Amino acid sequence: MALTLVSSNKCAGGFQKVFEHESTELKCKMKFAVYLPPKAETDKCPVMYWLSGLTCTEQNFITKAGSQLGAAEHGIIVVAPDTSPRGCNIEGEDESWDFGTGAGFYVNATQDPWKTNYRMYAYVTEELPKLINANFPTDPEKMSISGHSMGGHGALICALKNPGKYKVLLCLHSLPSVTRCSVPGDRKLSQGTWALIGPHGRRTTLPCWQLRILVLSSTSSSIKAETTSSCQLASFCPTT
């Protein structure tokens, strides 16, 4: 699949790049950011996927977080995709900040008119990793996923539904349960607008695999504390 270079900047000894491509899952053009550390010039590197929150694009994390310094030091490729399909001309996709454009929630929609384009779960877990592994010096056996807010919930879904795929799961101010969430967009998900809910309430027996999990949450957020409780995560991800 062809990649079009949008920008390339020298950063922390490596390169911060942004690419655009035609997505087969989302049926539209998508952008993603990728940081290539100095080590990537000579060796294969582990990959960390970062999923941003509501209203974000591929730019937020790479311009605000300063992750390039740590990624350069430890030799990690960092990939930050956009948060939703864009320009799909679906009625209502631009009406709300918390549902539709900029708010794909990293799930696969199952109802019209969303199900053709809004397939962010398949994009993040299947299409994008294949694209990254085919075009950059990655170690496919060393892949991790992380995110903030909506992206934290997306990281939870991606990791817990794919045992063994990721080595590390990091969630910042995540939303473990959309069924209990105070964000209107999440309530739309739980009420069946897209008919796919996150891991809470669908507890299954997961096969044993090694996954390091770090969940950081806050009770001072405008989103109610119960929606970001790590206790909810423990309730459907028991230790043995």
C-alpha atoms as a PDB file:
ATOM      1  CA  MET A   1       0.000   0.000   0.000  1.00  0.00           C
ATOM      2  CA  ALA A   2       1.425   3.363  -1.039  1.00  0.00           C
ATOM      3  CA  LEU A   3       2.317   5.936   1.592  1.00  0.00           C
ATOM      4  CA  THR A   4       2.469   9.669   0.894  1.00  0.00           C
ATOM      5  CA  LEU A   5       4.880  11.663   3.026  1.00  0.00           C
ATOM      6  CA  VAL A   6       3.144  14.702   4.514  1.00  0.00           C
ATOM      7  CA  SER A   7       5.967  16.015   6.710  1.00  0.00           C
ATOM      8  CA  SER A   8       9.361  15.015   8.074  1.00  0.00           C
ATOM      9  CA  ASN A   9      11.244  16.766  10.867  1.00  0.00           C
ATOM     10  CA  LYS A  10      14.520  15.967  12.606  1.00  0.00           C
ATOM     11  CA  CYS A  11      13.727  15.391  16.279  1.00  0.00           C
ATOM     12  CA  ALA A  12      15.719  14.022  19.234  1.00  0.00           C
ATOM     13  CA  GLY A  13      18.268  12.507  16.901  1.00  0.00           C
ATOM     14  CA  GLY A  14      15.610  10.696  14.865  1.00  0.00           C
ATOM     15  CA  PHE A  15      12.766  11.745  12.579  1.00  0.00           C
ATOM     16  CA  GLN A  16       9.176  12.685  13.305  1.00  0.00           C
ATOM     17  CA  LYS A  17       7.183  11.937  10.182  1.00  0.00           C
ATOM     18  CA  VAL A  18       3.535  12.090   9.121  1.00  0.00           C
ATOM     19  CA  PHE A  19       2.153   9.952   6.301  1.00  0.00           C
ATOM     20  CA  GLU A  20      -1.156   9.702   4.466  1.00  0.00           C
ATOM     21  CA  HIS A  21      -2.636   6.614   2.820  1.00  0.00           C
ATOM     22  CA  GLU A  22      -5.868   5.184   1.467  1.00  0.00           C
ATOM     23  CA  SER A  23      -7.405   2.981   4.139  1.00  0.00           C
ATOM     24  CA  THR A  24      -9.110  -0.203   2.996  1.00  0.00           C
ATOM     25  CA  GLU A  25     -10.925  -0.570   6.330  1.00  0.00           C
ATOM     26  CA  LEU A  26     -12.173   3.009   6.621  1.00  0.00           C
ATOM     27  CA  LYS A  27     -12.705   3.728   2.918  1.00  0.00           C
ATOM     28  CA  CYS A  28     -11.054   7.141   3.160  1.00  0.00           C
ATOM     29  CA  LYS A  29      -7.663   8.807   3.366  1.00  0.00           C
ATOM     30  CA  MET A  30      -6.020   8.514   6.784  1.00  0.00           C
ATOM     31  CA  LYS A  31      -3.005  10.170   8.360  1.00  0.00           C
ATOM     32  CA  PHE A  32      -0.709   8.724  10.974  1.00  0.00           C
ATOM     33  CA  ALA A  33       2.403  10.026  12.701  1.00  0.00           C
ATOM     34  CA  VAL A  34       5.467   7.852  13.196  1.00  0.00           C
ATOM     35  CA  TYR A  35       8.593   8.658  15.182  1.00  0.00           C
ATOM     36  CA  LEU A  36      11.720   6.832  14.021  1.00  0.00           C
ATOM     37  CA  PRO A  37      14.468   6.835  16.677  1.00  0.00           C
ATOM     38  CA  PRO A  38      18.172   6.907  15.729  1.00  0.00           C
ATOM     39  CA  LYS A  39      18.349   3.143  16.302  1.00  0.00           C
ATOM     40  CA  ALA A  40      15.889   2.600  13.438  1.00  0.00           C
ATOM     41  CA  GLU A  41      18.609   3.565  10.977  1.00  0.00           C
ATOM     42  CA  THR A  42      20.482   0.320  11.694  1.00  0.00           C
ATOM     43  CA  ASP A  43      18.242  -2.063  13.674  1.00  0.00           C
ATOM     44  CA  LYS A  44      14.669  -3.227  14.065  1.00  0.00           C
ATOM     45  CA  CYS A  45      12.819  -1.522  16.909  1.00  0.00           C
ATOM     46  CA  PRO A  46       9.818  -2.260  19.124  1.00  0.00           C
ATOM     47  CA  VAL A  47       6.661  -0.281  18.336  1.00  0.00           C
ATOM     48  CA  MET A  48       4.310   1.610  20.644  1.00  0.00           C
ATOM     49  CA  TYR A  49       0.909   2.608  19.265  1.00  0.00           C
ATOM     50  CA  TRP A  50      -0.626   5.704  20.846  1.00  0.00           C
ATOM     51  CA  LEU A  51      -4.399   6.282  20.645  1.00  0.00           C
ATOM     52  CA  SER A  52      -5.446   9.869  21.309  1.00  0.00           C
ATOM     53  CA  GLY A  53      -8.664  11.125  22.895  1.00  0.00           C
ATOM     54  CA  LEU A  54     -11.759  12.984  21.759  1.00  0.00           C
ATOM     55  CA  THR A  55     -11.346  15.712  19.097  1.00  0.00           C
ATOM     56  CA  CYS A  56      -7.661  14.881  18.561  1.00  0.00           C
ATOM     57  CA  THR A  57      -5.780  14.144  15.351  1.00  0.00           C
ATOM     58  CA  GLU A  58      -2.420  12.491  14.729  1.00  0.00           C
ATOM     59  CA  GLN A  59      -0.826  15.842  15.663  1.00  0.00           C
ATOM     60  CA  ASN A  60      -1.807  16.189  19.328  1.00  0.00           C
ATOM     61  CA  PHE A  61       0.485  13.586  20.846  1.00  0.00           C
ATOM     62  CA  ILE A  62       3.514  14.317  18.698  1.00  0.00           C
ATOM     63  CA  THR A  63       3.382  18.093  19.361  1.00  0.00           C
ATOM     64  CA  LYS A  64       2.430  18.100  23.068  1.00  0.00           C
ATOM     65  CA  ALA A  65       3.779  14.993  24.797  1.00  0.00           C
ATOM     66  CA  GLY A  66       7.525  15.180  24.162  1.00  0.00           C
ATOM     67  CA  SER A  67       7.606  11.413  23.745  1.00  0.00           C
ATOM     68  CA  GLN A  68      10.351  11.614  21.139  1.00  0.00           C
ATOM     69  CA  LEU A  69      13.040  12.041  23.812  1.00  0.00           C
ATOM     70  CA  GLY A  70      12.176   8.816  25.595  1.00  0.00           C
ATOM     71  CA  ALA A  71      11.578   6.970  22.343  1.00  0.00           C
ATOM     72  CA  ALA A  72      15.001   8.035  21.064  1.00  0.00           C
ATOM     73  CA  GLU A  73      16.722   6.972  24.289  1.00  0.00           C
ATOM     74  CA  HIS A  74      15.141   3.516  24.344  1.00  0.00           C
ATOM     75  CA  GLY A  75      14.964   2.907  20.607  1.00  0.00           C
ATOM     76  CA  ILE A  76      11.181   2.742  20.242  1.00  0.00           C
ATOM     77  CA  ILE A  77       9.128   3.532  17.160  1.00  0.00           C
ATOM     78  CA  VAL A  78       5.997   5.474  18.154  1.00  0.00           C
ATOM     79  CA  VAL A  79       2.912   5.414  15.910  1.00  0.00           C
ATOM     80  CA  ALA A  80      -0.002   7.818  16.473  1.00  0.00           C
ATOM     81  CA  PRO A  81      -2.992   7.429  14.129  1.00  0.00           C
ATOM     82  CA  ASP A  82      -5.869   9.851  13.679  1.00  0.00           C
ATOM     83  CA  THR A  83      -8.882   9.275  15.931  1.00  0.00           C
ATOM     84  CA  SER A  84     -11.541   8.643  13.294  1.00  0.00           C
ATOM     85  CA  PRO A  85     -12.289   8.530   9.581  1.00  0.00           C
ATOM     86  CA  ARG A  86     -12.730  11.981   8.046  1.00  0.00           C
ATOM     87  CA  GLY A  87     -14.674  13.408   5.142  1.00  0.00           C
ATOM     88  CA  CYS A  88     -16.947  10.396   4.697  1.00  0.00           C
ATOM     89  CA  ASN A  89     -20.039  12.554   4.114  1.00  0.00           C
ATOM     90  CA  ILE A  90     -22.134  10.656   6.648  1.00  0.00           C
ATOM     91  CA  GLU A  91     -25.128  12.583   7.927  1.00  0.00           C
ATOM     92  CA  GLY A  92     -24.463  13.715  11.486  1.00  0.00           C
ATOM     93  CA  GLU A  93     -20.755  12.881  11.626  1.00  0.00           C
ATOM     94  CA  ASP A  94     -19.778  16.540  12.211  1.00  0.00           C
ATOM     95  CA  GLU A  95     -22.653  17.538  14.501  1.00  0.00           C
ATOM     96  CA  SER A  96     -21.059  16.636  17.836  1.00  0.00           C
ATOM     97  CA  TRP A  97     -17.565  16.844  19.285  1.00  0.00           C
ATOM     98  CA  ASP A  98     -17.987  13.530  21.100  1.00  0.00           C
ATOM     99  CA  PHE A  99     -19.392  11.317  18.352  1.00  0.00           C
ATOM    100  CA  GLY A 100     -18.339  10.972  14.730  1.00  0.00           C
ATOM    101  CA  THR A 101     -15.458  12.993  13.295  1.00  0.00           C
ATOM    102  CA  GLY A 102     -12.613  13.070  15.822  1.00  0.00           C
ATOM    103  CA  ALA A 103     -14.481  10.564  17.991  1.00  0.00           C
ATOM    104  CA  GLY A 104     -14.232   7.119  16.431  1.00  0.00           C
ATOM    105  CA  PHE A 105     -13.866   5.364  19.811  1.00  0.00           C
ATOM    106  CA  TYR A 106     -11.668   2.650  18.270  1.00  0.00           C
ATOM    107  CA  VAL A 107     -14.589   0.265  17.701  1.00  0.00           C
ATOM    108  CA  ASN A 108     -16.164  -1.273  14.607  1.00  0.00           C
ATOM    109  CA  ALA A 109     -19.605   0.163  13.929  1.00  0.00           C
ATOM    110  CA  THR A 110     -22.243  -2.446  13.108  1.00  0.00           C
ATOM    111  CA  GLN A 111     -25.152  -0.248  12.042  1.00  0.00           C
ATOM    112  CA  ASP A 112     -25.866   1.965   9.037  1.00  0.00           C
ATOM    113  CA  PRO A 113     -24.786   4.519   8.048  1.00  0.00           C
ATOM    114  CA  TRP A 114     -21.629   4.161  10.145  1.00  0.00           C
ATOM    115  CA  LYS A 115     -20.536   0.581   9.567  1.00  0.00           C
ATOM    116  CA  THR A 116     -18.862   1.140   6.191  1.00  0.00           C
ATOM    117  CA  ASN A 117     -16.352   3.720   7.405  1.00  0.00           C
ATOM    118  CA  TYR A 118     -16.231   3.677  11.190  1.00  0.00           C
ATOM    119  CA  ARG A 119     -14.045   0.602  11.689  1.00  0.00           C
ATOM    120  CA  MET A 120     -11.292   2.034  13.857  1.00  0.00           C
ATOM    121  CA  TYR A 121     -10.818  -1.199  15.825  1.00  0.00           C
ATOM    122  CA  ALA A 122      -9.975  -3.141  12.662  1.00  0.00           C
ATOM    123  CA  TYR A 123      -7.813  -0.259  11.448  1.00  0.00           C
ATOM    124  CA  VAL A 124      -5.756  -0.041  14.645  1.00  0.00           C
ATOM    125  CA  THR A 125      -5.360  -3.771  15.288  1.00  0.00           C
ATOM    126  CA  GLU A 126      -4.994  -5.091  11.741  1.00  0.00           C
ATOM    127  CA  GLU A 127      -4.528  -2.659   8.861  1.00  0.00           C
ATOM    128  CA  LEU A 128      -2.215  -0.141  10.515  1.00  0.00           C
ATOM    129  CA  PRO A 129       0.228  -2.672  12.073  1.00  0.00           C
ATOM    130  CA  LYS A 130       0.557  -4.457   8.713  1.00  0.00           C
ATOM    131  CA  LEU A 131       1.245  -1.112   7.054  1.00  0.00           C
ATOM    132  CA  ILE A 132       3.818  -0.113   9.681  1.00  0.00           C
ATOM    133  CA  ASN A 133       5.589  -3.475   9.642  1.00  0.00           C
ATOM    134  CA  ALA A 134       5.816  -3.427   5.839  1.00  0.00           C
ATOM    135  CA  ASN A 135       7.303   0.060   5.595  1.00  0.00           C
ATOM    136  CA  PHE A 136       9.427   0.599   8.706  1.00  0.00           C
ATOM    137  CA  PRO A 137      12.152  -1.340  10.590  1.00  0.00           C
ATOM    138  CA  THR A 138       9.899  -2.785  13.280  1.00  0.00           C
ATOM    139  CA  ASP A 139      10.120  -5.876  15.462  1.00  0.00           C
ATOM    140  CA  PRO A 140       6.576  -7.332  15.049  1.00  0.00           C
ATOM    141  CA  GLU A 141       7.029  -9.441  18.187  1.00  0.00           C
ATOM    142  CA  LYS A 142       7.507  -6.354  20.359  1.00  0.00           C
ATOM    143  CA  MET A 143       4.354  -4.278  19.990  1.00  0.00           C
ATOM    144  CA  SER A 144       2.628  -2.248  22.725  1.00  0.00           C
ATOM    145  CA  ILE A 145      -0.440  -0.043  22.857  1.00  0.00           C
ATOM    146  CA  SER A 146      -1.384   2.978  24.930  1.00  0.00           C
ATOM    147  CA  GLY A 147      -3.816   5.862  24.952  1.00  0.00           C
ATOM    148  CA  HIS A 148      -5.556   8.675  26.778  1.00  0.00           C
ATOM    149  CA  SER A 149      -9.260   9.024  27.615  1.00  0.00           C
ATOM    150  CA  MET A 150     -11.157   7.684  24.594  1.00  0.00           C
ATOM    151  CA  GLY A 151      -7.810   6.343  23.425  1.00  0.00           C
ATOM    152  CA  GLY A 152      -7.249   4.620  26.762  1.00  0.00           C
ATOM    153  CA  HIS A 153     -10.545   2.815  26.332  1.00  0.00           C
ATOM    154  CA  GLY A 154      -9.500   1.931  22.802  1.00  0.00           C
ATOM    155  CA  ALA A 155      -6.182   0.549  24.049  1.00  0.00           C
ATOM    156  CA  LEU A 156      -8.063  -1.583  26.596  1.00  0.00           C
ATOM    157  CA  ILE A 157     -10.318  -3.029  23.903  1.00  0.00           C
ATOM    158  CA  CYS A 158      -7.450  -3.733  21.522  1.00  0.00           C
ATOM    159  CA  ALA A 159      -5.240  -5.407  24.119  1.00  0.00           C
ATOM    160  CA  LEU A 160      -7.842  -7.466  25.979  1.00  0.00           C
ATOM    161  CA  LYS A 161      -9.514  -8.716  22.810  1.00  0.00           C
ATOM    162  CA  ASN A 162      -6.177  -9.800  21.305  1.00  0.00           C
ATOM    163  CA  PRO A 163      -4.292 -11.923  23.859  1.00  0.00           C
ATOM    164  CA  GLY A 164      -0.592 -12.086  23.085  1.00  0.00           C
ATOM    165  CA  LYS A 165      -0.619  -9.331  20.468  1.00  0.00           C
ATOM    166  CA  TYR A 166       0.731  -6.599  22.740  1.00  0.00           C
ATOM    167  CA  LYS A 167       3.512  -6.692  25.339  1.00  0.00           C
ATOM    168  CA  VAL A 168       2.464  -3.588  27.305  1.00  0.00           C
ATOM    169  CA  LEU A 169      -0.865  -1.816  27.841  1.00  0.00           C
ATOM    170  CA  LEU A 170      -0.809   1.761  29.168  1.00  0.00           C
ATOM    171  CA  CYS A 171      -4.045   3.683  29.815  1.00  0.00           C
ATOM    172  CA  LEU A 172      -4.151   7.313  30.939  1.00  0.00           C
ATOM    173  CA  HIS A 173      -7.487   8.565  32.312  1.00  0.00           C
ATOM    174  CA  SER A 174      -9.175   5.736  30.504  1.00  0.00           C
ATOM    175  CA  LEU A 175     -12.879   4.836  30.253  1.00  0.00           C
ATOM    176  CA  PRO A 176     -13.095   1.122  31.149  1.00  0.00           C
ATOM    177  CA  SER A 177     -16.899   1.097  31.003  1.00  0.00           C
ATOM    178  CA  VAL A 178     -18.825   2.990  28.360  1.00  0.00           C
ATOM    179  CA  THR A 179     -22.037   1.651  29.889  1.00  0.00           C
ATOM    180  CA  ARG A 180     -21.384   3.737  33.008  1.00  0.00           C
ATOM    181  CA  CYS A 181     -19.796   6.732  31.376  1.00  0.00           C
ATOM    182  CA  SER A 182     -20.900  10.335  31.729  1.00  0.00           C
ATOM    183  CA  VAL A 183     -19.643  11.367  28.274  1.00  0.00           C
ATOM    184  CA  PRO A 184     -22.615  11.652  25.852  1.00  0.00           C
ATOM    185  CA  GLY A 185     -20.723  10.012  22.995  1.00  0.00           C
ATOM    186  CA  ASP A 186     -20.030   6.976  25.131  1.00  0.00           C
ATOM    187  CA  ARG A 187     -23.698   6.725  26.079  1.00  0.00           C
ATOM    188  CA  LYS A 188     -24.554   6.688  22.375  1.00  0.00           C
ATOM    189  CA  LEU A 189     -22.260   3.695  21.995  1.00  0.00           C
ATOM    190  CA  SER A 190     -23.804   1.867  24.930  1.00  0.00           C
ATOM    191  CA  GLN A 191     -27.324   2.592  23.699  1.00  0.00           C
ATOM    192  CA  GLY A 192     -26.597   0.834  20.442  1.00  0.00           C
ATOM    193  CA  THR A 193     -25.900   3.644  17.981  1.00  0.00           C
ATOM    194  CA  TRP A 194     -22.832   1.709  16.893  1.00  0.00           C
ATOM    195  CA  ALA A 195     -23.784  -1.455  18.809  1.00  0.00           C
ATOM    196  CA  LEU A 196     -20.352  -2.363  20.089  1.00  0.00           C
ATOM    197  CA  ILE A 197     -19.439  -1.841  23.729  1.00  0.00           C
ATOM    198  CA  GLY A 198     -16.094  -2.110  25.463  1.00  0.00           C
ATOM    199  CA  PRO A 199     -14.821  -4.960  27.643  1.00  0.00           C
ATOM    200  CA  HIS A 200     -16.866  -4.175  30.783  1.00  0.00           C
ATOM    201  CA  GLY A 201     -20.008  -6.277  31.031  1.00  0.00           C
ATOM    202  CA  ARG A 202     -18.700  -8.844  28.571  1.00  0.00           C
ATOM    203  CA  ARG A 203     -16.445 -10.775  30.863  1.00  0.00           C
ATOM    204  CA  THR A 204     -14.912 -13.840  29.291  1.00  0.00           C
ATOM    205  CA  THR A 205     -12.275 -16.320  30.344  1.00  0.00           C
ATOM    206  CA  LEU A 206      -9.106 -15.095  28.698  1.00  0.00           C
ATOM    207  CA  PRO A 207      -6.213 -17.423  27.916  1.00  0.00           C
ATOM    208  CA  CYS A 208      -3.103 -16.867  29.978  1.00  0.00           C
ATOM    209  CA  TRP A 209      -0.528 -14.575  28.422  1.00  0.00           C
ATOM    210  CA  GLN A 210       1.972 -12.058  29.695  1.00  0.00           C
ATOM    211  CA  LEU A 211       0.789  -8.466  29.494  1.00  0.00           C
ATOM    212  CA  ARG A 212       2.101  -5.579  31.549  1.00  0.00           C
ATOM    213  CA  ILE A 213      -0.741  -3.196  32.391  1.00  0.00           C
ATOM    214  CA  LEU A 214      -0.493   0.324  33.809  1.00  0.00           C
ATOM    215  CA  VAL A 215      -3.660   2.361  34.368  1.00  0.00           C
ATOM    216  CA  LEU A 216      -3.410   5.970  35.556  1.00  0.00           C
ATOM    217  CA  SER A 217      -6.642   7.729  36.474  1.00  0.00           C
ATOM    218  CA  SER A 218      -7.814  10.873  38.222  1.00  0.00           C
ATOM    219  CA  THR A 219     -10.836  11.735  40.354  1.00  0.00           C
ATOM    220  CA  SER A 220     -10.534  15.443  39.546  1.00  0.00           C
ATOM    221  CA  SER A 221     -11.543  15.086  35.907  1.00  0.00           C
ATOM    222  CA  SER A 222     -14.781  16.573  34.621  1.00  0.00           C
ATOM    223  CA  ILE A 223     -15.679  13.011  33.658  1.00  0.00           C
ATOM    224  CA  LYS A 224     -17.104  11.267  36.711  1.00  0.00           C
ATOM    225  CA  ALA A 225     -14.597   9.292  38.733  1.00  0.00           C
ATOM    226  CA  GLU A 226     -16.529   6.046  38.451  1.00  0.00           C
ATOM    227  CA  THR A 227     -15.992   5.955  34.707  1.00  0.00           C
ATOM    228  CA  THR A 228     -12.211   5.869  35.102  1.00  0.00           C
ATOM    229  CA  SER A 229     -11.929   3.517  38.050  1.00  0.00           C
ATOM    230  CA  SER A 230      -9.145   0.964  37.817  1.00  0.00           C
ATOM    231  CA  CYS A 231     -11.307  -1.236  40.079  1.00  0.00           C
ATOM    232  CA  GLN A 232     -13.625  -1.751  37.098  1.00  0.00           C
ATOM    233  CA  LEU A 233     -10.662  -2.926  35.057  1.00  0.00           C
ATOM    234  CA  ALA A 234      -9.776  -5.454  37.753  1.00  0.00           C
ATOM    235  CA  SER A 235     -13.345  -6.747  37.755  1.00  0.00           C
ATOM    236  CA  PHE A 236     -13.083  -8.057  34.187  1.00  0.00           C
ATOM    237  CA  CYS A 237      -9.345  -8.699  34.072  1.00  0.00           C
ATOM    238  CA  PRO A 238      -8.674 -10.911  37.101  1.00  0.00           C
ATOM    239  CA  THR A 239      -5.210 -12.060  38.068  1.00  0.00           C
ATOM    240  CA  THR A 240      -4.326 -15.688  38.659  1.00  0.00           C
END
